[in-house]
N, C-alpha and C. Protein backbone atom coordinates (compact mmCIF):
# COMPACT_ATOMS: atom_id res chain seq x y z
N MET A 1 2.27 5.25 11.71
CA MET A 1 3.31 5.06 10.88
C MET A 1 3.92 6.30 10.23
N GLY A 2 5.00 6.15 9.58
CA GLY A 2 5.59 7.23 8.83
C GLY A 2 5.32 6.75 7.65
N ILE A 3 5.34 7.37 6.62
CA ILE A 3 4.84 7.23 4.79
C ILE A 3 6.09 7.63 3.96
N VAL A 4 6.81 7.09 3.41
CA VAL A 4 7.62 7.36 2.46
C VAL A 4 7.23 7.19 1.41
N GLY A 5 7.43 7.87 0.18
CA GLY A 5 6.35 7.25 -1.09
C GLY A 5 5.25 8.11 -1.17
N ILE A 6 5.28 9.43 -1.08
CA ILE A 6 3.80 9.67 -0.54
C ILE A 6 3.36 10.50 -2.35
N SER A 7 4.57 11.07 -3.07
CA SER A 7 4.64 11.17 -4.31
C SER A 7 3.82 10.38 -5.23
N ILE A 8 4.08 9.05 -4.91
CA ILE A 8 3.54 7.91 -5.82
C ILE A 8 2.06 7.14 -5.66
N LEU A 9 1.72 7.85 -4.32
CA LEU A 9 -0.11 8.10 -4.12
C LEU A 9 -0.39 8.95 -4.77
N ASP A 10 0.27 10.80 -4.98
CA ASP A 10 -0.07 11.55 -5.04
C ASP A 10 -0.29 11.41 -7.09
N GLU A 11 0.90 10.71 -7.54
CA GLU A 11 0.54 10.48 -8.85
C GLU A 11 -0.27 9.84 -9.43
N CYS A 12 -0.60 8.45 -8.49
CA CYS A 12 -1.83 7.70 -8.76
C CYS A 12 -3.64 8.79 -8.70
N ALA A 13 -3.50 9.36 -7.59
CA ALA A 13 -4.82 10.33 -8.03
C ALA A 13 -4.80 11.50 -8.63
N LYS A 14 -3.47 12.02 -9.48
CA LYS A 14 -3.73 12.94 -10.55
C LYS A 14 -3.89 12.34 -11.58
N LYS A 15 -3.69 10.99 -11.74
CA LYS A 15 -3.96 10.26 -12.76
C LYS A 15 -5.20 9.53 -12.77
N HIS A 16 -5.80 9.61 -11.59
CA HIS A 16 -7.07 8.98 -11.61
C HIS A 16 -8.08 9.29 -10.43
N CYS A 17 -8.75 10.42 -11.02
CA CYS A 17 -9.37 11.20 -10.22
C CYS A 17 -10.30 10.41 -9.31
N ASP A 18 -10.87 9.25 -9.72
CA ASP A 18 -12.08 8.51 -8.98
C ASP A 18 -11.26 8.23 -7.99
N VAL A 19 -10.02 7.50 -7.46
CA VAL A 19 -9.76 7.08 -6.21
C VAL A 19 -9.16 8.07 -5.14
N ARG A 20 -8.99 9.45 -5.60
CA ARG A 20 -8.20 10.15 -4.60
C ARG A 20 -8.69 10.28 -3.12
N GLU A 21 -10.31 10.12 -3.05
CA GLU A 21 -10.59 9.66 -1.63
C GLU A 21 -10.39 9.02 -1.42
N GLN A 22 -10.46 7.60 -1.52
CA GLN A 22 -9.90 6.41 -1.25
C GLN A 22 -8.50 6.21 -0.59
N LEU A 23 -7.94 7.26 -1.44
CA LEU A 23 -6.04 7.11 -1.22
C LEU A 23 -5.53 7.94 -0.12
N ARG A 24 -6.70 8.97 -0.05
CA ARG A 24 -6.40 10.08 0.83
C ARG A 24 -6.70 9.09 2.74
N ALA A 25 -7.88 8.35 2.19
CA ALA A 25 -7.96 7.88 3.49
C ALA A 25 -7.48 6.24 3.91
N TRP A 26 -6.68 5.98 3.10
CA TRP A 26 -6.09 4.56 3.47
C TRP A 26 -4.59 5.77 3.69
N ARG A 27 -4.35 6.75 3.30
CA ARG A 27 -2.93 7.21 3.75
C ARG A 27 -3.11 7.41 5.10
N LYS A 28 -4.14 8.36 5.47
CA LYS A 28 -4.69 8.66 7.09
C LYS A 28 -4.63 7.61 7.81
N ASP A 29 -5.13 6.57 7.49
CA ASP A 29 -5.46 5.56 8.31
C ASP A 29 -3.86 4.72 8.63
N ALA A 30 -3.10 4.58 7.49
CA ALA A 30 -1.49 3.89 7.89
C ALA A 30 -1.01 5.15 9.00
N GLU A 31 -1.34 6.60 8.68
CA GLU A 31 -0.26 7.67 9.60
C GLU A 31 -0.77 6.96 10.60
N GLU A 32 -2.17 6.71 11.12
CA GLU A 32 -2.54 6.69 12.50
C GLU A 32 -1.98 5.04 13.00
N ALA A 33 -1.88 4.62 12.00
CA ALA A 33 -1.42 2.79 12.92
C ALA A 33 -0.38 3.05 13.13
N ASP A 34 -0.42 1.37 14.08
CA ASP A 34 1.09 1.13 14.87
C ASP A 34 1.12 -0.55 14.66
N TRP A 35 1.33 -0.33 13.24
CA TRP A 35 1.03 -1.88 13.11
C TRP A 35 2.31 -2.46 13.48
N LYS A 36 2.31 -3.68 14.63
CA LYS A 36 3.66 -4.32 14.44
C LYS A 36 4.02 -5.57 14.32
N THR A 37 3.15 -6.32 13.59
CA THR A 37 3.05 -7.52 12.77
C THR A 37 2.21 -7.27 11.65
N PRO A 38 2.14 -8.17 10.80
CA PRO A 38 1.65 -8.53 9.36
C PRO A 38 -0.20 -8.80 10.09
N LEU A 39 0.03 -9.46 11.01
CA LEU A 39 -1.48 -9.93 11.58
C LEU A 39 -2.24 -8.34 12.09
N ASP A 40 -1.74 -7.20 12.57
CA ASP A 40 -2.06 -6.16 12.63
C ASP A 40 -2.48 -5.44 11.29
N ILE A 41 -1.67 -5.66 10.35
CA ILE A 41 -2.91 -5.23 8.98
C ILE A 41 -3.88 -6.03 8.58
N LYS A 42 -3.48 -7.32 8.85
CA LYS A 42 -4.77 -8.07 8.45
C LYS A 42 -5.82 -7.87 9.38
N ALA A 43 -5.41 -7.28 10.29
CA ALA A 43 -6.98 -7.54 11.26
C ALA A 43 -7.52 -5.89 10.67
N ARG A 44 -6.59 -4.88 10.04
CA ARG A 44 -7.61 -3.62 9.68
C ARG A 44 -8.04 -3.99 8.31
N TYR A 45 -7.10 -4.65 7.57
CA TYR A 45 -7.52 -4.96 6.06
C TYR A 45 -7.24 -6.71 5.21
N PRO A 46 -8.34 -6.85 6.01
CA PRO A 46 -8.61 -8.71 5.68
C PRO A 46 -7.98 -9.36 4.42
N SER A 47 -8.40 -8.31 3.45
CA SER A 47 -8.39 -8.54 1.76
C SER A 47 -6.78 -8.52 1.29
N ALA A 48 -5.98 -7.17 2.32
CA ALA A 48 -4.49 -7.04 2.04
C ALA A 48 -3.80 -8.69 1.97
N SER A 49 -2.86 -9.20 0.83
CA SER A 49 -2.02 -9.94 0.76
C SER A 49 -0.56 -9.25 1.49
N ILE A 50 0.14 -10.15 2.26
CA ILE A 50 1.38 -10.03 2.70
C ILE A 50 2.59 -10.74 2.01
N ILE A 51 3.58 -10.53 1.57
CA ILE A 51 4.40 -10.84 0.42
C ILE A 51 5.95 -11.16 1.39
N GLY A 52 6.54 -11.85 1.79
CA GLY A 52 7.02 -11.97 2.29
C GLY A 52 7.33 -11.34 3.95
N GLY A 53 6.38 -11.58 4.48
CA GLY A 53 6.47 -10.95 5.64
C GLY A 53 6.33 -9.38 6.38
N LYS A 54 7.06 -8.42 4.88
CA LYS A 54 7.34 -7.12 4.96
C LYS A 54 6.67 -6.35 4.05
N CYS A 55 6.04 -6.79 2.93
CA CYS A 55 5.46 -6.00 1.54
C CYS A 55 3.93 -6.70 2.02
N VAL A 56 3.32 -5.56 1.46
CA VAL A 56 2.08 -5.92 1.82
C VAL A 56 1.42 -5.05 0.33
N VAL A 57 0.23 -5.66 0.01
CA VAL A 57 -0.81 -5.69 -1.42
C VAL A 57 -1.90 -5.10 -0.82
N PHE A 58 -2.01 -4.02 -0.41
CA PHE A 58 -3.54 -3.44 -0.13
C PHE A 58 -4.51 -3.38 -1.30
N ASN A 59 -6.03 -3.67 -1.71
CA ASN A 59 -6.87 -3.51 -2.41
C ASN A 59 -7.21 -1.85 -2.01
N VAL A 60 -7.59 -1.02 -2.81
CA VAL A 60 -8.23 -0.22 -2.79
C VAL A 60 -9.77 0.01 -3.78
N LYS A 61 -10.74 0.96 -3.04
CA LYS A 61 -11.71 1.15 -4.06
C LYS A 61 -12.04 0.03 -4.62
N GLY A 62 -12.94 -1.05 -3.58
CA GLY A 62 -12.87 -2.24 -4.24
C GLY A 62 -12.40 -3.12 -5.01
N ASN A 63 -10.94 -3.09 -4.98
CA ASN A 63 -10.16 -4.38 -5.73
C ASN A 63 -9.73 -3.39 -6.85
N GLN A 64 -10.29 -2.44 -7.14
CA GLN A 64 -10.48 -1.44 -8.59
C GLN A 64 -8.56 -1.13 -8.70
N TYR A 65 -7.93 -0.82 -7.73
CA TYR A 65 -7.03 -0.23 -7.33
C TYR A 65 -5.86 -1.15 -6.41
N ARG A 66 -4.41 -0.91 -6.34
CA ARG A 66 -3.70 -1.73 -5.62
C ARG A 66 -2.28 -0.77 -5.01
N VAL A 67 -2.18 -1.04 -3.83
CA VAL A 67 -1.07 0.14 -3.54
C VAL A 67 -0.11 -1.15 -2.68
N VAL A 68 1.16 -1.01 -3.40
CA VAL A 68 1.86 -2.06 -2.70
C VAL A 68 3.35 -1.54 -2.18
N ALA A 69 3.26 -1.85 -0.71
CA ALA A 69 3.87 -1.06 0.44
C ALA A 69 4.94 -1.99 0.98
N LYS A 70 6.32 -1.40 1.50
CA LYS A 70 7.13 -2.31 2.63
C LYS A 70 7.18 -1.72 3.59
N VAL A 71 6.44 -2.49 5.15
CA VAL A 71 6.46 -1.92 6.13
C VAL A 71 8.06 -2.23 6.87
N ASN A 72 8.05 -1.45 7.80
CA ASN A 72 9.59 -1.80 8.80
C ASN A 72 8.66 -1.79 9.92
N TYR A 73 8.55 -2.62 10.21
CA TYR A 73 7.56 -2.99 11.52
C TYR A 73 8.33 -2.40 13.05
N GLU A 74 9.69 -2.28 12.94
CA GLU A 74 10.51 -1.93 13.81
C GLU A 74 10.53 -0.21 14.15
N LEU A 75 10.77 0.28 12.79
CA LEU A 75 11.04 1.69 12.26
C LEU A 75 9.85 2.32 12.48
N GLY A 76 8.51 1.55 12.27
CA GLY A 76 7.33 2.10 12.29
C GLY A 76 7.00 2.70 11.43
N ASN A 77 7.79 2.57 10.13
CA ASN A 77 7.28 3.25 8.55
C ASN A 77 7.15 2.58 7.70
N VAL A 78 5.98 3.30 6.44
CA VAL A 78 5.52 1.98 5.10
C VAL A 78 6.18 3.02 4.36
N ARG A 79 7.07 2.26 3.42
CA ARG A 79 7.12 2.62 2.27
C ARG A 79 6.46 2.19 0.68
N VAL A 80 5.47 3.32 0.13
CA VAL A 80 4.74 3.02 -0.99
C VAL A 80 5.73 2.71 -2.11
N LEU A 81 5.62 1.48 -2.77
CA LEU A 81 6.28 1.43 -4.28
C LEU A 81 5.42 1.37 -5.35
N PHE A 82 4.01 1.43 -5.24
CA PHE A 82 3.33 1.19 -6.08
C PHE A 82 1.65 1.55 -6.30
N ALA A 83 1.34 2.50 -6.90
CA ALA A 83 -0.24 3.00 -6.87
C ALA A 83 -0.30 3.20 -8.02
N ASP A 84 -1.33 1.77 -8.53
CA ASP A 84 -2.18 1.88 -9.88
C ASP A 84 -3.51 1.53 -9.93
N ILE A 85 -4.20 1.14 -11.01
CA ILE A 85 -5.60 0.39 -11.11
C ILE A 85 -4.84 -1.37 -11.26
N HIS A 86 -5.19 -1.75 -10.98
CA HIS A 86 -5.17 -3.57 -11.03
C HIS A 86 -4.69 -4.23 -12.12
N ALA A 87 -4.89 -3.65 -13.22
CA ALA A 87 -4.82 -3.51 -14.54
C ALA A 87 -2.99 -3.42 -14.81
N GLU A 88 -2.66 -2.41 -14.15
CA GLU A 88 -1.09 -2.23 -14.26
C GLU A 88 -0.87 -2.69 -13.27
N TYR A 89 -1.48 -3.02 -11.91
CA TYR A 89 -0.63 -4.07 -10.71
C TYR A 89 -0.36 -5.79 -12.05
N ASN A 90 -1.00 -5.77 -12.34
CA ASN A 90 -1.13 -7.63 -13.62
C ASN A 90 0.14 -7.24 -14.30
N LYS A 91 0.65 -6.02 -14.33
CA LYS A 91 1.96 -5.76 -15.30
C LYS A 91 3.25 -6.08 -14.35
N ILE A 92 3.20 -6.10 -13.07
CA ILE A 92 4.81 -5.78 -12.50
C ILE A 92 4.88 -7.58 -11.32
N ASP A 93 5.23 -7.65 -11.32
CA ASP A 93 6.24 -8.67 -10.42
C ASP A 93 6.21 -7.95 -8.61
N ALA A 94 5.13 -7.86 -7.70
CA ALA A 94 5.25 -7.47 -6.79
C ALA A 94 6.24 -7.95 -5.47
N SER A 95 6.68 -9.57 -6.06
CA SER A 95 7.96 -9.97 -5.06
C SER A 95 8.82 -8.93 -5.27
N LYS A 96 9.38 -8.34 -6.88
CA LYS A 96 10.35 -8.57 -7.31
C LYS A 96 10.53 -7.26 -7.21
N LEU A 97 9.29 -6.13 -6.80
CA LEU A 97 9.26 -4.78 -6.53
C LEU A 97 9.82 -4.74 -5.42
N CYS A 98 9.35 -5.47 -4.21
CA CYS A 98 9.47 -5.76 -2.78
C CYS A 98 11.03 -5.83 -2.27
N ALA A 99 11.53 -7.18 -3.21
CA ALA A 99 12.90 -7.39 -2.85
C ALA A 99 13.80 -6.17 -3.74
N GLY A 100 13.41 -5.43 -4.33
CA GLY A 100 14.50 -4.41 -4.77
C GLY A 100 14.55 -3.37 -3.54
N VAL A 101 13.56 -2.99 -3.16
CA VAL A 101 13.72 -1.97 -1.59
C VAL A 101 14.69 -2.53 -0.40
């Protein structure tokens, strides 16, 4: 999958050095993935939450962090919309964030 919004992952990694390796691993995994449906994501990430079919909330580093991404299965790309600690995730409305893209 192609990744759009890598700068969001980079900003999170700069802000929170304890999650750098996990974000790097998630990015590599997503780039190598060939997700065709939400079920493909759930097979690899059972704890991921699917919002509206195309938006996914990934738990990173034991659910301490969240990555919100919109997946375009047809084009084979992932647009990162949010990456930060769980407490910051709780301050946003992920469904509105996803609808805005």
